[in-house]
Amino acid sequence: MITLGTALAFGGAAMAAGLAGVGSAIGVAIAGQAASGVVSEDPDKFGNVLVLQALPGTQGIYGLLIAFIIILNLGVIDGNVKDLTTFQGLAYLFAALPMGLGGLLSAIYQGKVAASGIYLTAKRPEETGKGIILTAMVETYAVLSLLISFIMVNGIKL
């Protein structure tokens, strides 16, 4: 039987991966809807719009990374799950929060910016790079969320 602290840490891992993953799914879907419309009119633009559609998917990867680090720290991989105190479990839960929420929100908004970049590509294919840059600007906040969660998770002493 696991302790409350260990359960809270598992909750943190689930939140980081789950919320960031949901955000990525929504963001990629928003961009994908725009991309489908553009490609239906001009199939040759598929390569350009695919790059823009893929960008909101990175937050899910970042969330998975934080969840994986938490799982590793808990000893799940080697089969020796650690019994954490409630405070240690809460520390993991709160350390995962920036990545979970930051990933969720930045992926959704990145999907919206990517959709605009896709519309830009439809009208002016030579400006695709500008659409990518604008979309990547939103990525900054996902990376900051990843960084602070990474620092916090690695600062927890077991």
N, C-alpha and C. Protein backbone atom coordinates (compact mmCIF):
# COMPACT_ATOMS: atom_id res chain seq x y z
N MET A 1 0.84 -1.18 0.00
CA MET A 1 0.00 0.00 0.00
C MET A 1 0.89 1.24 0.00
N ILE A 2 0.52 2.21 -0.82
CA ILE A 2 1.34 3.41 -0.91
C ILE A 2 0.84 4.47 0.07
N THR A 3 1.73 5.38 0.40
CA THR A 3 1.38 6.45 1.33
C THR A 3 0.63 7.56 0.59
N LEU A 4 0.02 8.44 1.37
CA LEU A 4 -0.65 9.59 0.79
C LEU A 4 0.34 10.44 0.01
N GLY A 5 1.53 10.60 0.55
CA GLY A 5 2.56 11.40 -0.13
C GLY A 5 2.92 10.83 -1.49
N THR A 6 3.07 9.53 -1.56
CA THR A 6 3.39 8.89 -2.84
C THR A 6 2.23 9.06 -3.82
N ALA A 7 1.01 8.94 -3.33
CA ALA A 7 -0.16 9.13 -4.20
C ALA A 7 -0.21 10.56 -4.73
N LEU A 8 0.11 11.53 -3.89
CA LEU A 8 0.13 12.92 -4.34
C LEU A 8 1.19 13.13 -5.42
N ALA A 9 2.34 12.49 -5.25
CA ALA A 9 3.40 12.61 -6.25
C ALA A 9 2.95 12.00 -7.58
N PHE A 10 2.28 10.84 -7.51
CA PHE A 10 1.73 10.24 -8.72
C PHE A 10 0.71 11.20 -9.36
N GLY A 11 -0.07 11.86 -8.53
CA GLY A 11 -1.03 12.85 -9.03
C GLY A 11 -0.33 13.99 -9.76
N GLY A 12 0.80 14.42 -9.22
CA GLY A 12 1.57 15.47 -9.88
C GLY A 12 2.07 15.02 -11.25
N ALA A 13 2.57 13.79 -11.31
CA ALA A 13 3.04 13.25 -12.59
C ALA A 13 1.89 13.18 -13.59
N ALA A 14 0.75 12.70 -13.12
CA ALA A 14 -0.42 12.58 -14.00
C ALA A 14 -0.89 13.95 -14.46
N MET A 15 -0.84 14.93 -13.58
CA MET A 15 -1.27 16.28 -13.93
C MET A 15 -0.34 16.89 -14.98
N ALA A 16 0.97 16.75 -14.79
CA ALA A 16 1.93 17.33 -15.74
C ALA A 16 1.71 16.74 -17.13
N ALA A 17 1.66 15.42 -17.21
CA ALA A 17 1.49 14.77 -18.51
C ALA A 17 0.08 14.96 -19.07
N GLY A 18 -0.91 14.83 -18.20
CA GLY A 18 -2.30 14.89 -18.64
C GLY A 18 -2.73 16.26 -19.12
N LEU A 19 -2.49 17.28 -18.31
CA LEU A 19 -2.93 18.62 -18.70
C LEU A 19 -2.16 19.14 -19.91
N ALA A 20 -0.85 18.95 -19.90
CA ALA A 20 -0.06 19.40 -21.05
C ALA A 20 -0.45 18.61 -22.30
N GLY A 21 -0.73 17.33 -22.13
CA GLY A 21 -1.16 16.51 -23.26
C GLY A 21 -2.51 16.93 -23.82
N VAL A 22 -3.43 17.26 -22.94
CA VAL A 22 -4.75 17.74 -23.39
C VAL A 22 -4.58 19.06 -24.13
N GLY A 23 -3.75 19.95 -23.59
CA GLY A 23 -3.51 21.23 -24.27
C GLY A 23 -2.93 21.01 -25.66
N SER A 24 -1.98 20.09 -25.76
CA SER A 24 -1.39 19.81 -27.07
C SER A 24 -2.42 19.24 -28.03
N ALA A 25 -3.25 18.35 -27.55
CA ALA A 25 -4.28 17.77 -28.42
C ALA A 25 -5.23 18.86 -28.94
N ILE A 26 -5.61 19.76 -28.06
CA ILE A 26 -6.50 20.85 -28.48
C ILE A 26 -5.79 21.78 -29.45
N GLY A 27 -4.55 22.16 -29.12
CA GLY A 27 -3.79 23.07 -29.98
C GLY A 27 -3.54 22.50 -31.37
N VAL A 28 -3.13 21.23 -31.41
CA VAL A 28 -2.88 20.56 -32.69
C VAL A 28 -4.19 20.44 -33.48
N ALA A 29 -5.29 20.21 -32.78
CA ALA A 29 -6.59 20.11 -33.45
C ALA A 29 -7.01 21.45 -34.06
N ILE A 30 -6.82 22.53 -33.31
CA ILE A 30 -7.16 23.87 -33.83
C ILE A 30 -6.37 24.15 -35.10
N ALA A 31 -5.06 23.92 -35.03
CA ALA A 31 -4.21 24.15 -36.20
C ALA A 31 -4.54 23.18 -37.33
N GLY A 32 -4.86 21.95 -36.97
CA GLY A 32 -5.19 20.94 -37.97
C GLY A 32 -6.45 21.28 -38.76
N GLN A 33 -7.42 21.87 -38.08
CA GLN A 33 -8.64 22.27 -38.78
C GLN A 33 -8.33 23.34 -39.82
N ALA A 34 -7.49 24.30 -39.43
CA ALA A 34 -7.09 25.34 -40.38
C ALA A 34 -6.29 24.73 -41.52
N ALA A 35 -5.37 23.83 -41.18
CA ALA A 35 -4.52 23.21 -42.19
C ALA A 35 -5.33 22.40 -43.19
N SER A 36 -6.34 21.70 -42.71
CA SER A 36 -7.17 20.91 -43.61
C SER A 36 -7.87 21.77 -44.64
N GLY A 37 -8.34 22.92 -44.19
CA GLY A 37 -8.99 23.84 -45.12
C GLY A 37 -8.03 24.36 -46.18
N VAL A 38 -6.83 24.70 -45.76
CA VAL A 38 -5.83 25.21 -46.70
C VAL A 38 -5.42 24.12 -47.69
N VAL A 39 -5.16 22.92 -47.18
CA VAL A 39 -4.71 21.83 -48.05
C VAL A 39 -5.83 21.39 -49.01
N SER A 40 -7.07 21.54 -48.60
CA SER A 40 -8.17 21.18 -49.50
C SER A 40 -8.19 22.09 -50.73
N GLU A 41 -7.73 23.32 -50.55
CA GLU A 41 -7.67 24.27 -51.66
C GLU A 41 -6.36 24.15 -52.46
N ASP A 42 -5.26 23.82 -51.75
CA ASP A 42 -3.95 23.72 -52.41
C ASP A 42 -3.11 22.64 -51.72
N PRO A 43 -3.19 21.41 -52.21
CA PRO A 43 -2.46 20.30 -51.59
C PRO A 43 -0.94 20.50 -51.53
N ASP A 44 -0.39 21.35 -52.38
CA ASP A 44 1.05 21.59 -52.38
C ASP A 44 1.53 22.32 -51.12
N LYS A 45 0.62 22.89 -50.36
CA LYS A 45 0.99 23.61 -49.14
C LYS A 45 1.06 22.71 -47.91
N PHE A 46 0.86 21.41 -48.11
CA PHE A 46 0.83 20.47 -46.99
C PHE A 46 2.09 20.55 -46.13
N GLY A 47 3.25 20.54 -46.73
CA GLY A 47 4.50 20.56 -45.97
C GLY A 47 4.63 21.79 -45.08
N ASN A 48 4.26 22.95 -45.62
CA ASN A 48 4.36 24.19 -44.85
C ASN A 48 3.38 24.21 -43.67
N VAL A 49 2.16 23.78 -43.91
CA VAL A 49 1.17 23.84 -42.83
C VAL A 49 1.39 22.73 -41.80
N LEU A 50 2.00 21.62 -42.21
CA LEU A 50 2.28 20.54 -41.27
C LEU A 50 3.23 21.00 -40.16
N VAL A 51 4.23 21.77 -40.50
CA VAL A 51 5.17 22.30 -39.50
C VAL A 51 4.42 23.15 -38.48
N LEU A 52 3.56 24.01 -38.97
CA LEU A 52 2.80 24.88 -38.06
C LEU A 52 1.83 24.07 -37.20
N GLN A 53 1.23 23.04 -37.78
CA GLN A 53 0.30 22.24 -37.00
C GLN A 53 1.01 21.47 -35.90
N ALA A 54 2.23 21.03 -36.15
CA ALA A 54 2.95 20.20 -35.18
C ALA A 54 3.45 20.98 -33.97
N LEU A 55 3.67 22.26 -34.10
CA LEU A 55 4.28 23.03 -33.01
C LEU A 55 3.53 22.96 -31.67
N PRO A 56 2.20 23.03 -31.63
CA PRO A 56 1.53 22.94 -30.33
C PRO A 56 1.65 21.56 -29.67
N GLY A 57 2.20 20.59 -30.35
CA GLY A 57 2.35 19.26 -29.77
C GLY A 57 3.52 19.13 -28.81
N THR A 58 4.39 20.11 -28.79
CA THR A 58 5.57 19.98 -27.93
C THR A 58 5.25 20.04 -26.44
N GLN A 59 4.21 20.75 -26.07
CA GLN A 59 3.87 20.84 -24.65
C GLN A 59 3.55 19.47 -24.06
N GLY A 60 2.90 18.63 -24.83
CA GLY A 60 2.63 17.27 -24.37
C GLY A 60 3.92 16.51 -24.09
N ILE A 61 4.92 16.73 -24.92
CA ILE A 61 6.23 16.10 -24.72
C ILE A 61 6.87 16.63 -23.45
N TYR A 62 6.79 17.94 -23.23
CA TYR A 62 7.37 18.53 -22.02
C TYR A 62 6.70 17.99 -20.76
N GLY A 63 5.37 17.88 -20.79
CA GLY A 63 4.63 17.33 -19.66
C GLY A 63 5.01 15.89 -19.39
N LEU A 64 5.18 15.12 -20.45
CA LEU A 64 5.60 13.74 -20.31
C LEU A 64 7.00 13.66 -19.68
N LEU A 65 7.87 14.57 -20.07
CA LEU A 65 9.23 14.59 -19.51
C LEU A 65 9.19 14.82 -18.00
N ILE A 66 8.42 15.80 -17.55
CA ILE A 66 8.32 16.06 -16.11
C ILE A 66 7.70 14.86 -15.39
N ALA A 67 6.66 14.28 -15.97
CA ALA A 67 6.04 13.10 -15.36
C ALA A 67 7.05 11.95 -15.27
N PHE A 68 7.82 11.77 -16.30
CA PHE A 68 8.82 10.69 -16.32
C PHE A 68 9.87 10.91 -15.24
N ILE A 69 10.31 12.14 -15.05
CA ILE A 69 11.30 12.43 -14.00
C ILE A 69 10.72 12.14 -12.62
N ILE A 70 9.47 12.53 -12.40
CA ILE A 70 8.83 12.24 -11.11
C ILE A 70 8.74 10.73 -10.90
N ILE A 71 8.29 10.01 -11.92
CA ILE A 71 8.16 8.55 -11.83
C ILE A 71 9.53 7.91 -11.54
N LEU A 72 10.56 8.39 -12.20
CA LEU A 72 11.91 7.87 -11.93
C LEU A 72 12.32 8.13 -10.48
N ASN A 73 12.05 9.36 -10.01
CA ASN A 73 12.40 9.71 -8.63
C ASN A 73 11.66 8.87 -7.61
N LEU A 74 10.46 8.42 -7.97
CA LEU A 74 9.67 7.60 -7.05
C LEU A 74 10.11 6.14 -7.03
N GLY A 75 10.96 5.76 -7.97
CA GLY A 75 11.46 4.39 -7.99
C GLY A 75 10.56 3.40 -8.69
N VAL A 76 9.63 3.88 -9.50
CA VAL A 76 8.68 2.99 -10.17
C VAL A 76 9.39 2.08 -11.17
N ILE A 77 10.36 2.61 -11.88
CA ILE A 77 11.01 1.85 -12.95
C ILE A 77 11.74 0.62 -12.41
N ASP A 78 12.42 0.78 -11.27
CA ASP A 78 13.15 -0.37 -10.72
C ASP A 78 12.31 -1.21 -9.77
N GLY A 79 11.04 -0.85 -9.58
CA GLY A 79 10.13 -1.66 -8.78
C GLY A 79 10.19 -1.39 -7.28
N ASN A 80 10.92 -0.39 -6.87
CA ASN A 80 11.03 -0.05 -5.44
C ASN A 80 10.39 1.32 -5.19
N VAL A 81 9.09 1.36 -5.21
CA VAL A 81 8.38 2.62 -5.04
C VAL A 81 8.62 3.15 -3.63
N LYS A 82 9.02 4.40 -3.55
CA LYS A 82 9.36 5.02 -2.27
C LYS A 82 8.10 5.47 -1.55
N ASP A 83 8.14 5.38 -0.23
CA ASP A 83 7.07 5.91 0.60
C ASP A 83 7.41 7.36 0.94
N LEU A 84 6.64 8.28 0.39
CA LEU A 84 6.88 9.70 0.61
C LEU A 84 5.99 10.22 1.74
N THR A 85 6.49 11.24 2.40
CA THR A 85 5.66 11.93 3.38
C THR A 85 4.63 12.76 2.62
N THR A 86 3.62 13.19 3.32
CA THR A 86 2.59 14.02 2.69
C THR A 86 3.22 15.30 2.14
N PHE A 87 4.16 15.88 2.87
CA PHE A 87 4.80 17.12 2.42
C PHE A 87 5.65 16.89 1.17
N GLN A 88 6.33 15.76 1.09
CA GLN A 88 7.11 15.44 -0.11
C GLN A 88 6.17 15.25 -1.31
N GLY A 89 5.06 14.56 -1.08
CA GLY A 89 4.09 14.36 -2.15
C GLY A 89 3.49 15.66 -2.64
N LEU A 90 3.16 16.55 -1.68
CA LEU A 90 2.65 17.86 -2.07
C LEU A 90 3.70 18.65 -2.84
N ALA A 91 4.96 18.50 -2.45
CA ALA A 91 6.03 19.19 -3.17
C ALA A 91 6.07 18.75 -4.63
N TYR A 92 5.94 17.44 -4.88
CA TYR A 92 5.90 16.97 -6.26
C TYR A 92 4.66 17.47 -7.00
N LEU A 93 3.53 17.45 -6.32
CA LEU A 93 2.30 17.92 -6.93
C LEU A 93 2.43 19.38 -7.36
N PHE A 94 2.94 20.22 -6.45
CA PHE A 94 3.08 21.64 -6.78
C PHE A 94 4.20 21.89 -7.78
N ALA A 95 5.24 21.06 -7.77
CA ALA A 95 6.31 21.20 -8.74
C ALA A 95 5.83 20.87 -10.15
N ALA A 96 4.86 20.00 -10.27
CA ALA A 96 4.32 19.63 -11.58
C ALA A 96 3.30 20.65 -12.09
N LEU A 97 2.78 21.46 -11.19
CA LEU A 97 1.73 22.42 -11.55
C LEU A 97 2.12 23.39 -12.66
N PRO A 98 3.31 24.02 -12.63
CA PRO A 98 3.64 24.93 -13.73
C PRO A 98 3.61 24.25 -15.10
N MET A 99 4.14 23.04 -15.17
CA MET A 99 4.15 22.35 -16.46
C MET A 99 2.75 21.95 -16.88
N GLY A 100 1.95 21.47 -15.93
CA GLY A 100 0.58 21.07 -16.28
C GLY A 100 -0.24 22.24 -16.78
N LEU A 101 -0.31 23.30 -16.00
CA LEU A 101 -1.13 24.45 -16.39
C LEU A 101 -0.49 25.26 -17.50
N GLY A 102 0.83 25.48 -17.40
CA GLY A 102 1.53 26.22 -18.46
C GLY A 102 1.45 25.49 -19.78
N GLY A 103 1.58 24.16 -19.74
CA GLY A 103 1.49 23.38 -20.96
C GLY A 103 0.09 23.40 -21.55
N LEU A 104 -0.91 23.26 -20.69
CA LEU A 104 -2.30 23.28 -21.15
C LEU A 104 -2.62 24.58 -21.88
N LEU A 105 -2.37 25.69 -21.21
CA LEU A 105 -2.77 26.98 -21.78
C LEU A 105 -1.90 27.39 -22.95
N SER A 106 -0.59 27.20 -22.85
CA SER A 106 0.27 27.63 -23.96
C SER A 106 0.01 26.81 -25.21
N ALA A 107 -0.30 25.54 -25.08
CA ALA A 107 -0.57 24.72 -26.27
C ALA A 107 -1.85 25.16 -26.96
N ILE A 108 -2.87 25.49 -26.19
CA ILE A 108 -4.12 25.95 -26.79
C ILE A 108 -3.90 27.26 -27.54
N TYR A 109 -3.24 28.20 -26.89
CA TYR A 109 -3.01 29.49 -27.54
C TYR A 109 -2.01 29.37 -28.68
N GLN A 110 -1.06 28.46 -28.56
CA GLN A 110 -0.13 28.25 -29.66
C GLN A 110 -0.88 27.67 -30.86
N GLY A 111 -1.85 26.82 -30.61
CA GLY A 111 -2.67 26.30 -31.70
C GLY A 111 -3.42 27.40 -32.43
N LYS A 112 -3.89 28.39 -31.69
CA LYS A 112 -4.60 29.51 -32.31
C LYS A 112 -3.66 30.36 -33.16
N VAL A 113 -2.47 30.61 -32.64
CA VAL A 113 -1.49 31.38 -33.40
C VAL A 113 -1.04 30.58 -34.62
N ALA A 114 -0.86 29.28 -34.45
CA ALA A 114 -0.48 28.42 -35.58
C ALA A 114 -1.56 28.45 -36.66
N ALA A 115 -2.82 28.44 -36.26
CA ALA A 115 -3.91 28.51 -37.24
C ALA A 115 -3.82 29.81 -38.03
N SER A 116 -3.52 30.90 -37.35
CA SER A 116 -3.35 32.18 -38.05
C SER A 116 -2.16 32.11 -39.01
N GLY A 117 -1.08 31.47 -38.57
CA GLY A 117 0.08 31.29 -39.44
C GLY A 117 -0.25 30.44 -40.66
N ILE A 118 -1.12 29.48 -40.47
CA ILE A 118 -1.56 28.63 -41.58
C ILE A 118 -2.37 29.45 -42.58
N TYR A 119 -3.22 30.33 -42.07
CA TYR A 119 -3.98 31.21 -42.97
C TYR A 119 -3.04 32.16 -43.71
N LEU A 120 -2.01 32.62 -43.02
CA LEU A 120 -0.99 33.47 -43.66
C LEU A 120 -0.32 32.70 -44.80
N THR A 121 0.02 31.45 -44.52
CA THR A 121 0.66 30.59 -45.53
C THR A 121 -0.26 30.39 -46.74
N ALA A 122 -1.55 30.31 -46.49
CA ALA A 122 -2.49 30.11 -47.58
C ALA A 122 -2.47 31.29 -48.55
N LYS A 123 -2.38 32.48 -48.00
CA LYS A 123 -2.43 33.67 -48.84
C LYS A 123 -1.06 34.08 -49.36
N ARG A 124 -0.02 33.87 -48.53
CA ARG A 124 1.33 34.30 -48.91
C ARG A 124 2.34 33.23 -48.50
N PRO A 125 2.48 32.19 -49.28
CA PRO A 125 3.36 31.06 -48.93
C PRO A 125 4.79 31.47 -48.62
N GLU A 126 5.26 32.54 -49.21
CA GLU A 126 6.62 33.00 -48.95
C GLU A 126 6.80 33.55 -47.53
N GLU A 127 5.71 33.75 -46.81
CA GLU A 127 5.74 34.28 -45.45
C GLU A 127 5.56 33.20 -44.39
N THR A 128 5.65 31.94 -44.77
CA THR A 128 5.48 30.83 -43.82
C THR A 128 6.44 30.95 -42.64
N GLY A 129 7.66 31.35 -42.90
CA GLY A 129 8.65 31.50 -41.83
C GLY A 129 8.20 32.47 -40.76
N LYS A 130 7.55 33.54 -41.16
CA LYS A 130 7.03 34.50 -40.17
C LYS A 130 5.94 33.87 -39.32
N GLY A 131 5.10 33.05 -39.94
CA GLY A 131 4.06 32.34 -39.18
C GLY A 131 4.67 31.39 -38.17
N ILE A 132 5.74 30.72 -38.56
CA ILE A 132 6.43 29.81 -37.65
C ILE A 132 7.05 30.57 -36.48
N ILE A 133 7.68 31.71 -36.77
CA ILE A 133 8.29 32.52 -35.70
C ILE A 133 7.23 33.00 -34.73
N LEU A 134 6.12 33.50 -35.24
CA LEU A 134 5.05 33.98 -34.35
C LEU A 134 4.51 32.84 -33.48
N THR A 135 4.37 31.67 -34.07
CA THR A 135 3.89 30.51 -33.32
C THR A 135 4.91 30.08 -32.27
N ALA A 136 6.18 30.12 -32.64
CA ALA A 136 7.24 29.71 -31.71
C ALA A 136 7.37 30.66 -30.52
N MET A 137 6.93 31.90 -30.68
CA MET A 137 6.99 32.85 -29.56
C MET A 137 6.16 32.35 -28.37
N VAL A 138 5.03 31.72 -28.65
CA VAL A 138 4.19 31.18 -27.58
C VAL A 138 4.91 30.03 -26.88
N GLU A 139 5.73 29.31 -27.62
CA GLU A 139 6.49 28.18 -27.08
C GLU A 139 7.39 28.60 -25.91
N THR A 140 7.81 29.85 -25.93
CA THR A 140 8.68 30.37 -24.86
C THR A 140 8.09 30.09 -23.49
N TYR A 141 6.80 30.26 -23.36
CA TYR A 141 6.17 30.11 -22.05
C TYR A 141 6.01 28.64 -21.66
N ALA A 142 5.90 27.78 -22.63
CA ALA A 142 5.91 26.34 -22.34
C ALA A 142 7.30 25.93 -21.85
N VAL A 143 8.33 26.47 -22.49
CA VAL A 143 9.71 26.16 -22.09
C VAL A 143 9.99 26.70 -20.68
N LEU A 144 9.48 27.88 -20.37
CA LEU A 144 9.65 28.42 -19.01
C LEU A 144 8.93 27.54 -17.99
N SER A 145 7.75 27.07 -18.33
CA SER A 145 7.02 26.16 -17.44
C SER A 145 7.81 24.87 -17.23
N LEU A 146 8.36 24.34 -18.31
CA LEU A 146 9.18 23.14 -18.23
C LEU A 146 10.38 23.38 -17.32
N LEU A 147 11.04 24.50 -17.50
CA LEU A 147 12.24 24.81 -16.73
C LEU A 147 11.96 24.92 -15.24
N ILE A 148 10.91 25.64 -14.86
CA ILE A 148 10.64 25.81 -13.43
C ILE A 148 10.18 24.50 -12.82
N SER A 149 9.36 23.72 -13.53
CA SER A 149 8.96 22.42 -12.99
C SER A 149 10.18 21.50 -12.85
N PHE A 150 11.06 21.51 -13.82
CA PHE A 150 12.27 20.69 -13.77
C PHE A 150 13.13 21.06 -12.56
N ILE A 151 13.34 22.34 -12.35
CA ILE A 151 14.14 22.81 -11.21
C ILE A 151 13.48 22.42 -9.90
N MET A 152 12.17 22.62 -9.80
CA MET A 152 11.46 22.29 -8.57
C MET A 152 11.48 20.79 -8.28
N VAL A 153 11.21 19.97 -9.30
CA VAL A 153 11.19 18.52 -9.11
C VAL A 153 12.56 18.02 -8.65
N ASN A 154 13.60 18.55 -9.26
CA ASN A 154 14.94 18.11 -8.90
C ASN A 154 15.42 18.67 -7.57
N GLY A 155 14.70 19.64 -7.03
CA GLY A 155 15.06 20.21 -5.74
C GLY A 155 14.43 19.49 -4.56
N ILE A 156 13.57 18.52 -4.82
CA ILE A 156 12.89 17.80 -3.75
C ILE A 156 13.81 16.72 -3.22
N LYS A 157 14.06 16.75 -1.94
CA LYS A 157 14.93 15.77 -1.30
C LYS A 157 14.10 14.64 -0.73
N LEU A 158 14.48 13.42 -1.06
CA LEU A 158 13.77 12.25 -0.55
C LEU A 158 14.61 11.54 0.49
